[in-house]
Amino acid sequence: MRVLVQRVRGAAVTVDGATVGRIDAADQGLVALVGITHGDFAADAAAMAAKLWRLRILTGERSAADTGAPILVVSQFTLYADTAKGRRPSWAAAAPGPVAEPLVEAFAAALRGLGGTVETGRFGAHMRVELVNDGPVTLLLES
């Protein structure tokens, strides 16, 4: 499992012109782009959610757990692109939708279970993601 995390001042996801997820951070929030690979399980989703929740990347070395920062979770199978050969990426390492979707949902649910305010994109949709990166701060978490 890979989670690309960005510290933001705000973010939104739209699908077909309709906003499906939005965070407006009075201070700071997080955008989590989540990629699932073969062999990932619900336990991986829970562990990654706990890591993100407590990751001290907000101002003053605080975490979302400390501040209640909102989190926008967006599925992102392209985090498992293989670009080693040629000009066309391979998506073979990305788990198929029926495997990935429940795990992305489990990740978001685990964050909510920890007390997070969580918004999401729409799995499998062509999404427009807008965000204002703060710092910029961007980190890649891997299970």
N, C-alpha and C. Protein backbone atom coordinates (compact mmCIF):
# COMPACT_ATOMS: atom_id res chain seq x y z
N MET A 1 0.85 -1.16 0.00
CA MET A 1 0.00 0.00 0.00
C MET A 1 0.89 1.23 0.00
N ARG A 2 0.53 2.19 -0.83
CA ARG A 2 1.25 3.46 -0.87
C ARG A 2 0.26 4.59 -0.62
N VAL A 3 0.71 5.54 0.19
CA VAL A 3 -0.10 6.73 0.46
C VAL A 3 0.80 7.94 0.24
N LEU A 4 0.47 8.73 -0.77
CA LEU A 4 1.17 9.97 -1.02
C LEU A 4 0.41 11.06 -0.26
N VAL A 5 1.08 11.67 0.72
CA VAL A 5 0.43 12.63 1.62
C VAL A 5 0.92 14.04 1.30
N GLN A 6 -0.01 14.96 1.20
CA GLN A 6 0.34 16.37 1.02
C GLN A 6 -0.32 17.19 2.12
N ARG A 7 0.47 18.07 2.72
CA ARG A 7 -0.08 19.01 3.69
C ARG A 7 -0.71 20.15 2.89
N VAL A 8 -1.94 20.49 3.22
CA VAL A 8 -2.69 21.45 2.42
C VAL A 8 -3.39 22.50 3.28
N ARG A 9 -3.80 23.56 2.63
CA ARG A 9 -4.66 24.58 3.24
C ARG A 9 -6.11 24.34 2.87
N GLY A 10 -6.35 23.54 1.86
CA GLY A 10 -7.70 23.18 1.43
C GLY A 10 -7.60 22.31 0.20
N ALA A 11 -8.66 21.53 -0.07
CA ALA A 11 -8.67 20.65 -1.23
C ALA A 11 -10.10 20.25 -1.56
N ALA A 12 -10.30 19.90 -2.83
CA ALA A 12 -11.63 19.46 -3.27
C ALA A 12 -11.49 18.46 -4.41
N VAL A 13 -12.46 17.57 -4.50
CA VAL A 13 -12.54 16.60 -5.59
C VAL A 13 -13.89 16.79 -6.27
N THR A 14 -13.86 16.94 -7.60
CA THR A 14 -15.10 17.03 -8.36
C THR A 14 -15.16 15.90 -9.37
N VAL A 15 -16.37 15.42 -9.61
CA VAL A 15 -16.65 14.39 -10.61
C VAL A 15 -17.82 14.90 -11.43
N ASP A 16 -17.63 14.99 -12.73
CA ASP A 16 -18.67 15.49 -13.63
C ASP A 16 -19.23 16.84 -13.18
N GLY A 17 -18.35 17.70 -12.70
CA GLY A 17 -18.74 19.04 -12.30
C GLY A 17 -19.35 19.16 -10.91
N ALA A 18 -19.55 18.04 -10.22
CA ALA A 18 -20.12 18.07 -8.87
C ALA A 18 -19.03 17.77 -7.84
N THR A 19 -19.00 18.56 -6.78
CA THR A 19 -18.04 18.33 -5.71
C THR A 19 -18.47 17.12 -4.90
N VAL A 20 -17.58 16.13 -4.80
CA VAL A 20 -17.89 14.91 -4.05
C VAL A 20 -17.14 14.84 -2.73
N GLY A 21 -16.09 15.66 -2.57
CA GLY A 21 -15.33 15.71 -1.33
C GLY A 21 -14.61 17.04 -1.23
N ARG A 22 -14.61 17.61 -0.04
CA ARG A 22 -13.95 18.90 0.15
C ARG A 22 -13.49 19.03 1.60
N ILE A 23 -12.28 19.54 1.76
CA ILE A 23 -11.82 19.94 3.09
C ILE A 23 -11.40 21.40 3.03
N ASP A 24 -11.85 22.14 4.00
CA ASP A 24 -11.47 23.53 4.16
C ASP A 24 -10.75 23.62 5.49
N ALA A 25 -9.45 23.73 5.42
CA ALA A 25 -8.65 23.72 6.63
C ALA A 25 -8.46 25.14 7.14
N ALA A 26 -8.99 25.42 8.32
CA ALA A 26 -8.77 26.73 8.94
C ALA A 26 -7.28 26.92 9.16
N ASP A 27 -6.59 25.86 9.52
CA ASP A 27 -5.14 25.91 9.69
C ASP A 27 -4.51 25.04 8.60
N GLN A 28 -4.48 23.73 8.80
CA GLN A 28 -3.91 22.82 7.82
C GLN A 28 -4.71 21.53 7.77
N GLY A 29 -4.66 20.87 6.63
CA GLY A 29 -5.28 19.57 6.46
C GLY A 29 -4.33 18.68 5.66
N LEU A 30 -4.81 17.49 5.33
CA LEU A 30 -4.00 16.53 4.59
C LEU A 30 -4.79 15.97 3.42
N VAL A 31 -4.11 15.76 2.30
CA VAL A 31 -4.66 15.00 1.19
C VAL A 31 -3.87 13.71 1.14
N ALA A 32 -4.59 12.58 1.10
CA ALA A 32 -3.97 11.26 1.04
C ALA A 32 -4.38 10.58 -0.26
N LEU A 33 -3.43 10.45 -1.17
CA LEU A 33 -3.64 9.71 -2.41
C LEU A 33 -3.25 8.27 -2.12
N VAL A 34 -4.19 7.34 -2.28
CA VAL A 34 -4.00 5.97 -1.80
C VAL A 34 -3.94 4.98 -2.97
N GLY A 35 -2.84 4.24 -3.04
CA GLY A 35 -2.67 3.19 -4.03
C GLY A 35 -2.60 1.83 -3.35
N ILE A 36 -3.28 0.86 -3.95
CA ILE A 36 -3.33 -0.50 -3.40
C ILE A 36 -2.66 -1.45 -4.40
N THR A 37 -1.86 -2.38 -3.86
CA THR A 37 -1.22 -3.39 -4.70
C THR A 37 -1.70 -4.78 -4.27
N HIS A 38 -1.32 -5.76 -5.07
CA HIS A 38 -1.65 -7.15 -4.77
C HIS A 38 -1.04 -7.52 -3.42
N GLY A 39 -1.75 -8.22 -2.61
CA GLY A 39 -1.22 -8.64 -1.32
C GLY A 39 -1.48 -7.68 -0.19
N ASP A 40 -2.13 -6.54 -0.46
CA ASP A 40 -2.52 -5.64 0.63
C ASP A 40 -3.80 -6.18 1.28
N PHE A 41 -3.91 -5.93 2.58
CA PHE A 41 -5.05 -6.43 3.35
C PHE A 41 -5.62 -5.32 4.22
N ALA A 42 -6.75 -5.59 4.86
CA ALA A 42 -7.39 -4.61 5.74
C ALA A 42 -6.44 -4.18 6.86
N ALA A 43 -5.61 -5.09 7.34
CA ALA A 43 -4.65 -4.74 8.39
C ALA A 43 -3.66 -3.68 7.90
N ASP A 44 -3.28 -3.76 6.61
CA ASP A 44 -2.39 -2.75 6.04
C ASP A 44 -3.07 -1.40 6.01
N ALA A 45 -4.35 -1.38 5.63
CA ALA A 45 -5.11 -0.13 5.58
C ALA A 45 -5.21 0.50 6.96
N ALA A 46 -5.47 -0.32 7.97
CA ALA A 46 -5.59 0.19 9.34
C ALA A 46 -4.25 0.73 9.84
N ALA A 47 -3.17 0.01 9.55
CA ALA A 47 -1.84 0.45 10.00
C ALA A 47 -1.42 1.75 9.31
N MET A 48 -1.70 1.85 8.02
CA MET A 48 -1.35 3.07 7.30
C MET A 48 -2.19 4.26 7.77
N ALA A 49 -3.45 4.01 8.08
CA ALA A 49 -4.30 5.08 8.61
C ALA A 49 -3.76 5.58 9.94
N ALA A 50 -3.37 4.66 10.81
CA ALA A 50 -2.81 5.04 12.11
C ALA A 50 -1.51 5.83 11.95
N LYS A 51 -0.68 5.40 11.00
CA LYS A 51 0.58 6.11 10.75
C LYS A 51 0.30 7.53 10.27
N LEU A 52 -0.60 7.67 9.30
CA LEU A 52 -0.94 8.99 8.78
C LEU A 52 -1.53 9.87 9.88
N TRP A 53 -2.43 9.32 10.67
CA TRP A 53 -3.13 10.06 11.72
C TRP A 53 -2.14 10.66 12.72
N ARG A 54 -1.06 9.94 12.98
CA ARG A 54 -0.10 10.38 14.00
C ARG A 54 1.19 10.99 13.42
N LEU A 55 1.26 11.09 12.10
CA LEU A 55 2.45 11.62 11.43
C LEU A 55 2.60 13.11 11.72
N ARG A 56 3.73 13.49 12.26
CA ARG A 56 3.95 14.86 12.73
C ARG A 56 4.51 15.73 11.60
N ILE A 57 3.62 16.11 10.67
CA ILE A 57 4.03 16.93 9.53
C ILE A 57 3.29 18.27 9.47
N LEU A 58 2.50 18.56 10.48
CA LEU A 58 1.82 19.85 10.53
C LEU A 58 2.70 20.84 11.28
N THR A 59 2.41 22.11 11.15
CA THR A 59 3.20 23.14 11.80
C THR A 59 3.39 22.84 13.28
N GLY A 60 4.61 23.07 13.76
CA GLY A 60 4.92 22.82 15.16
C GLY A 60 5.11 21.35 15.47
N GLU A 61 5.42 20.55 14.45
CA GLU A 61 5.59 19.11 14.60
C GLU A 61 4.38 18.45 15.22
N ARG A 62 3.21 18.90 14.79
CA ARG A 62 1.95 18.30 15.26
C ARG A 62 1.40 17.36 14.20
N SER A 63 0.46 16.54 14.62
CA SER A 63 -0.17 15.57 13.74
C SER A 63 -1.65 15.89 13.60
N ALA A 64 -2.32 15.18 12.70
CA ALA A 64 -3.77 15.32 12.59
C ALA A 64 -4.43 14.89 13.89
N ALA A 65 -3.85 13.91 14.57
CA ALA A 65 -4.38 13.48 15.87
C ALA A 65 -4.32 14.62 16.88
N ASP A 66 -3.28 15.45 16.80
CA ASP A 66 -3.12 16.57 17.73
C ASP A 66 -4.08 17.71 17.43
N THR A 67 -4.30 17.97 16.14
CA THR A 67 -5.01 19.18 15.74
C THR A 67 -6.42 18.95 15.23
N GLY A 68 -6.76 17.70 14.91
CA GLY A 68 -8.06 17.43 14.28
C GLY A 68 -8.10 17.86 12.83
N ALA A 69 -6.94 17.97 12.20
CA ALA A 69 -6.86 18.39 10.80
C ALA A 69 -7.71 17.49 9.91
N PRO A 70 -8.48 18.07 9.00
CA PRO A 70 -9.29 17.25 8.09
C PRO A 70 -8.42 16.54 7.06
N ILE A 71 -8.93 15.42 6.56
CA ILE A 71 -8.17 14.60 5.60
C ILE A 71 -9.07 14.27 4.41
N LEU A 72 -8.54 14.49 3.21
CA LEU A 72 -9.23 14.11 1.98
C LEU A 72 -8.52 12.88 1.42
N VAL A 73 -9.25 11.77 1.29
CA VAL A 73 -8.71 10.50 0.80
C VAL A 73 -9.17 10.30 -0.65
N VAL A 74 -8.19 10.07 -1.53
CA VAL A 74 -8.48 9.89 -2.95
C VAL A 74 -7.77 8.64 -3.45
N SER A 75 -8.50 7.71 -4.07
CA SER A 75 -7.86 6.52 -4.62
C SER A 75 -6.96 6.92 -5.78
N GLN A 76 -5.81 6.25 -5.90
CA GLN A 76 -4.81 6.65 -6.89
C GLN A 76 -4.02 5.43 -7.35
N PHE A 77 -4.59 4.63 -8.25
CA PHE A 77 -3.91 3.41 -8.70
C PHE A 77 -2.60 3.73 -9.40
N THR A 78 -2.44 4.93 -9.93
CA THR A 78 -1.23 5.27 -10.67
C THR A 78 0.01 5.35 -9.77
N LEU A 79 -0.16 5.29 -8.45
CA LEU A 79 1.00 5.23 -7.56
C LEU A 79 1.79 3.94 -7.77
N TYR A 80 1.16 2.96 -8.41
CA TYR A 80 1.84 1.70 -8.69
C TYR A 80 2.23 1.56 -10.16
N ALA A 81 2.41 2.68 -10.85
CA ALA A 81 2.87 2.64 -12.23
C ALA A 81 4.31 2.13 -12.29
N ASP A 82 4.59 1.31 -13.28
CA ASP A 82 5.95 0.89 -13.56
C ASP A 82 6.38 1.59 -14.84
N THR A 83 7.35 2.47 -14.73
CA THR A 83 7.80 3.25 -15.88
C THR A 83 9.22 2.88 -16.30
N ALA A 84 9.68 1.70 -15.88
CA ALA A 84 11.06 1.29 -16.14
C ALA A 84 11.34 1.05 -17.63
N LYS A 85 10.35 0.60 -18.37
CA LYS A 85 10.57 0.28 -19.77
C LYS A 85 9.67 1.13 -20.67
N GLY A 86 10.25 1.64 -21.70
CA GLY A 86 9.49 2.35 -22.71
C GLY A 86 8.83 3.63 -22.21
N ARG A 87 7.80 4.05 -22.96
CA ARG A 87 7.12 5.30 -22.64
C ARG A 87 5.70 5.08 -22.13
N ARG A 88 5.25 3.84 -22.12
CA ARG A 88 3.90 3.54 -21.66
C ARG A 88 3.98 2.85 -20.30
N PRO A 89 3.42 3.46 -19.25
CA PRO A 89 3.47 2.83 -17.92
C PRO A 89 2.69 1.51 -17.90
N SER A 90 3.18 0.60 -17.08
CA SER A 90 2.46 -0.64 -16.80
C SER A 90 1.71 -0.46 -15.48
N TRP A 91 0.50 -0.95 -15.43
CA TRP A 91 -0.32 -0.85 -14.21
C TRP A 91 -0.44 -2.21 -13.53
N ALA A 92 0.40 -3.18 -13.90
CA ALA A 92 0.29 -4.54 -13.41
C ALA A 92 0.41 -4.64 -11.88
N ALA A 93 1.14 -3.74 -11.27
CA ALA A 93 1.33 -3.80 -9.81
C ALA A 93 0.14 -3.24 -9.04
N ALA A 94 -0.74 -2.51 -9.71
CA ALA A 94 -1.93 -1.97 -9.04
C ALA A 94 -2.98 -3.06 -8.90
N ALA A 95 -3.57 -3.16 -7.73
CA ALA A 95 -4.64 -4.15 -7.51
C ALA A 95 -5.86 -3.77 -8.33
N PRO A 96 -6.61 -4.76 -8.80
CA PRO A 96 -7.83 -4.46 -9.56
C PRO A 96 -8.89 -3.82 -8.65
N GLY A 97 -9.82 -3.12 -9.28
CA GLY A 97 -10.86 -2.40 -8.55
C GLY A 97 -11.57 -3.18 -7.46
N PRO A 98 -12.02 -4.41 -7.73
CA PRO A 98 -12.73 -5.16 -6.70
C PRO A 98 -11.89 -5.46 -5.46
N VAL A 99 -10.57 -5.46 -5.61
CA VAL A 99 -9.67 -5.66 -4.47
C VAL A 99 -9.35 -4.31 -3.83
N ALA A 100 -9.06 -3.30 -4.65
CA ALA A 100 -8.60 -2.01 -4.15
C ALA A 100 -9.69 -1.19 -3.48
N GLU A 101 -10.87 -1.16 -4.06
CA GLU A 101 -11.93 -0.29 -3.53
C GLU A 101 -12.24 -0.54 -2.06
N PRO A 102 -12.46 -1.79 -1.64
CA PRO A 102 -12.74 -2.01 -0.21
C PRO A 102 -11.58 -1.60 0.70
N LEU A 103 -10.35 -1.69 0.20
CA LEU A 103 -9.20 -1.32 1.03
C LEU A 103 -9.05 0.20 1.14
N VAL A 104 -9.35 0.93 0.08
CA VAL A 104 -9.36 2.39 0.17
C VAL A 104 -10.46 2.82 1.14
N GLU A 105 -11.62 2.18 1.04
CA GLU A 105 -12.71 2.49 1.97
C GLU A 105 -12.32 2.13 3.41
N ALA A 106 -11.61 1.02 3.60
CA ALA A 106 -11.16 0.61 4.94
C ALA A 106 -10.18 1.62 5.50
N PHE A 107 -9.31 2.17 4.65
CA PHE A 107 -8.36 3.19 5.07
C PHE A 107 -9.11 4.43 5.58
N ALA A 108 -10.09 4.90 4.81
CA ALA A 108 -10.88 6.07 5.22
C ALA A 108 -11.66 5.77 6.50
N ALA A 109 -12.23 4.58 6.59
CA ALA A 109 -13.00 4.20 7.78
C ALA A 109 -12.10 4.12 9.02
N ALA A 110 -10.88 3.62 8.83
CA ALA A 110 -9.95 3.55 9.96
C ALA A 110 -9.59 4.95 10.45
N LEU A 111 -9.39 5.89 9.54
CA LEU A 111 -9.12 7.27 9.94
C LEU A 111 -10.30 7.84 10.72
N ARG A 112 -11.51 7.57 10.24
CA ARG A 112 -12.70 8.04 10.96
C ARG A 112 -12.78 7.41 12.35
N GLY A 113 -12.44 6.14 12.42
CA GLY A 113 -12.45 5.43 13.70
C GLY A 113 -11.46 5.99 14.70
N LEU A 114 -10.40 6.59 14.19
CA LEU A 114 -9.40 7.23 15.06
C LEU A 114 -9.83 8.63 15.48
N GLY A 115 -10.93 9.11 14.90
CA GLY A 115 -11.43 10.44 15.24
C GLY A 115 -11.28 11.46 14.13
N GLY A 116 -10.82 11.03 12.96
CA GLY A 116 -10.58 11.96 11.86
C GLY A 116 -11.84 12.44 11.17
N THR A 117 -11.78 13.68 10.70
CA THR A 117 -12.79 14.24 9.80
C THR A 117 -12.29 13.92 8.40
N VAL A 118 -13.00 13.03 7.71
CA VAL A 118 -12.51 12.48 6.45
C VAL A 118 -13.53 12.69 5.34
N GLU A 119 -13.05 13.20 4.22
CA GLU A 119 -13.83 13.29 2.99
C GLU A 119 -13.14 12.38 1.98
N THR A 120 -13.86 11.98 0.94
CA THR A 120 -13.28 11.08 -0.06
C THR A 120 -13.64 11.52 -1.47
N GLY A 121 -12.86 11.00 -2.41
CA GLY A 121 -13.21 11.11 -3.81
C GLY A 121 -14.18 9.99 -4.15
N ARG A 122 -14.31 9.68 -5.43
CA ARG A 122 -15.19 8.59 -5.87
C ARG A 122 -14.34 7.56 -6.60
N PHE A 123 -14.28 6.36 -6.03
CA PHE A 123 -13.43 5.31 -6.56
C PHE A 123 -13.78 5.03 -8.03
N GLY A 124 -12.75 4.94 -8.86
CA GLY A 124 -12.91 4.57 -10.26
C GLY A 124 -13.39 5.68 -11.17
N ALA A 125 -13.74 6.82 -10.64
CA ALA A 125 -14.23 7.93 -11.45
C ALA A 125 -13.06 8.76 -11.96
N HIS A 126 -13.30 9.49 -13.04
CA HIS A 126 -12.33 10.50 -13.48
C HIS A 126 -12.55 11.70 -12.57
N MET A 127 -11.58 11.96 -11.71
CA MET A 127 -11.73 13.01 -10.69
C MET A 127 -10.83 14.20 -11.01
N ARG A 128 -11.33 15.35 -10.67
CA ARG A 128 -10.51 16.56 -10.71
C ARG A 128 -10.19 16.91 -9.26
N VAL A 129 -8.90 16.88 -8.94
CA VAL A 129 -8.46 17.14 -7.57
C VAL A 129 -7.77 18.50 -7.55
N GLU A 130 -8.28 19.39 -6.74
CA GLU A 130 -7.67 20.70 -6.58
C GLU A 130 -7.22 20.82 -5.13
N LEU A 131 -5.99 21.35 -4.96
CA LEU A 131 -5.50 21.53 -3.60
C LEU A 131 -4.52 22.69 -3.56
N VAL A 132 -4.36 23.21 -2.36
CA VAL A 132 -3.35 24.23 -2.12
C VAL A 132 -2.34 23.61 -1.17
N ASN A 133 -1.20 23.18 -1.74
CA ASN A 133 -0.16 22.54 -0.96
C ASN A 133 0.46 23.58 -0.03
N ASP A 134 0.71 23.18 1.19
CA ASP A 134 1.26 24.10 2.20
C ASP A 134 2.66 23.68 2.56
N GLY A 135 3.62 24.47 2.17
CA GLY A 135 5.02 24.19 2.51
C GLY A 135 5.94 24.41 1.33
N PRO A 136 5.91 23.59 0.32
CA PRO A 136 5.12 22.38 0.16
C PRO A 136 5.68 21.22 0.99
N VAL A 137 4.77 20.38 1.44
CA VAL A 137 5.12 19.16 2.15
C VAL A 137 4.42 18.00 1.46
N THR A 138 5.21 17.06 0.93
CA THR A 138 4.69 15.88 0.26
C THR A 138 5.56 14.69 0.66
N LEU A 139 4.92 13.63 1.19
CA LEU A 139 5.64 12.45 1.65
C LEU A 139 5.00 11.19 1.08
N LEU A 140 5.81 10.17 0.84
CA LEU A 140 5.31 8.88 0.40
C LEU A 140 5.43 7.87 1.54
N LEU A 141 4.29 7.31 1.95
CA LEU A 141 4.26 6.27 2.98
C LEU A 141 4.05 4.93 2.27
N GLU A 142 4.75 3.90 2.71
CA GLU A 142 4.58 2.57 2.12
C GLU A 142 4.48 1.53 3.23
N SER A 143 3.60 0.55 2.99
CA SER A 143 3.47 -0.53 3.98
C SER A 143 4.45 -1.64 3.64
